[in-house]
Amino acid sequence: MEAPPPFPVAPDFKLPDATGAERSLASLMGPKGLVLVLYRGHW
C-alpha cells in the first residue's frame, strides 16, 4: 500500500484524547501552528 500524497494543510478531524474527550485539530492549533505526530505500532 502506498502512502497518500502530501498536502499543504491537514483537513480538520476529530479524535479522542487520552481521557476519551473528543479533540479537533482546529481546537489544538496555536498561534504558531501545530506539530502533529502519529505513531503506528504496538505498545
C-alpha atoms as a PDB file:
ATOM      1  CA  MET A   1       0.000   0.000   0.000  1.00  0.00           C
ATOM      2  CA  GLU A   2       1.372   3.404  -0.946  1.00  0.00           C
ATOM      3  CA  ALA A   3       1.244   6.411   1.343  1.00  0.00           C
ATOM      4  CA  PRO A   4      -1.195   9.158   0.404  1.00  0.00           C
ATOM      5  CA  PRO A   5       0.301  12.185  -1.336  1.00  0.00           C
ATOM      6  CA  PRO A   6       1.390  15.023   0.960  1.00  0.00           C
ATOM      7  CA  PHE A   7      -0.871  18.027   1.302  1.00  0.00           C
ATOM      8  CA  PRO A   8      -0.013  21.576   2.447  1.00  0.00           C
ATOM      9  CA  VAL A   9      -2.775  21.820   5.071  1.00  0.00           C
ATOM     10  CA  ALA A  10      -4.240  18.924   7.017  1.00  0.00           C
ATOM     11  CA  PRO A  11      -8.030  18.702   6.928  1.00  0.00           C
ATOM     12  CA  ASP A  12      -9.773  19.259  10.253  1.00  0.00           C
ATOM     13  CA  PHE A  13     -10.670  15.996  12.014  1.00  0.00           C
ATOM     14  CA  LYS A  14     -11.661  14.807  15.474  1.00  0.00           C
ATOM     15  CA  LEU A  15     -10.100  12.048  17.583  1.00  0.00           C
ATOM     16  CA  PRO A  16     -10.388  11.065  21.247  1.00  0.00           C
ATOM     17  CA  ASP A  17      -7.545  12.124  23.541  1.00  0.00           C
ATOM     18  CA  ALA A  18      -6.021  10.013  26.342  1.00  0.00           C
ATOM     19  CA  THR A  19      -9.005  10.756  28.614  1.00  0.00           C
ATOM     20  CA  GLY A  20     -11.602   9.963  25.943  1.00  0.00           C
ATOM     21  CA  ALA A  21     -12.567  13.606  25.295  1.00  0.00           C
ATOM     22  CA  GLU A  22     -13.013  14.360  21.607  1.00  0.00           C
ATOM     23  CA  ARG A  23     -10.491  16.899  20.271  1.00  0.00           C
ATOM     24  CA  SER A  24     -10.418  18.524  16.857  1.00  0.00           C
ATOM     25  CA  LEU A  25      -7.289  19.556  15.039  1.00  0.00           C
ATOM     26  CA  ALA A  26      -8.556  23.151  14.911  1.00  0.00           C
ATOM     27  CA  SER A  27      -9.068  23.237  18.700  1.00  0.00           C
ATOM     28  CA  LEU A  28      -5.397  22.349  19.264  1.00  0.00           C
ATOM     29  CA  MET A  29      -3.980  24.856  16.782  1.00  0.00           C
ATOM     30  CA  GLY A  30      -1.994  27.653  18.402  1.00  0.00           C
ATOM     31  CA  PRO A  31      -0.744  30.995  17.089  1.00  0.00           C
ATOM     32  CA  LYS A  32       2.451  29.365  15.779  1.00  0.00           C
ATOM     33  CA  GLY A  33       0.748  26.301  14.337  1.00  0.00           C
ATOM     34  CA  LEU A  34       0.785  22.702  15.462  1.00  0.00           C
ATOM     35  CA  VAL A  35       3.088  19.710  15.175  1.00  0.00           C
ATOM     36  CA  LEU A  36       1.118  16.515  14.777  1.00  0.00           C
ATOM     37  CA  VAL A  37       2.843  13.176  15.311  1.00  0.00           C
ATOM     38  CA  LEU A  38       1.022   9.904  14.692  1.00  0.00           C
ATOM     39  CA  TYR A  39       2.551   6.670  15.930  1.00  0.00           C
ATOM     40  CA  ARG A  40       1.685   3.338  14.441  1.00  0.00           C
ATOM     41  CA  GLY A  41       2.815   0.311  16.321  1.00  0.00           C
ATOM     42  CA  HIS A  42       2.389  -1.912  19.312  1.00  0.00           C
ATOM     43  CA  TRP A  43       2.882  -0.819  22.897  1.00  0.00           C
END
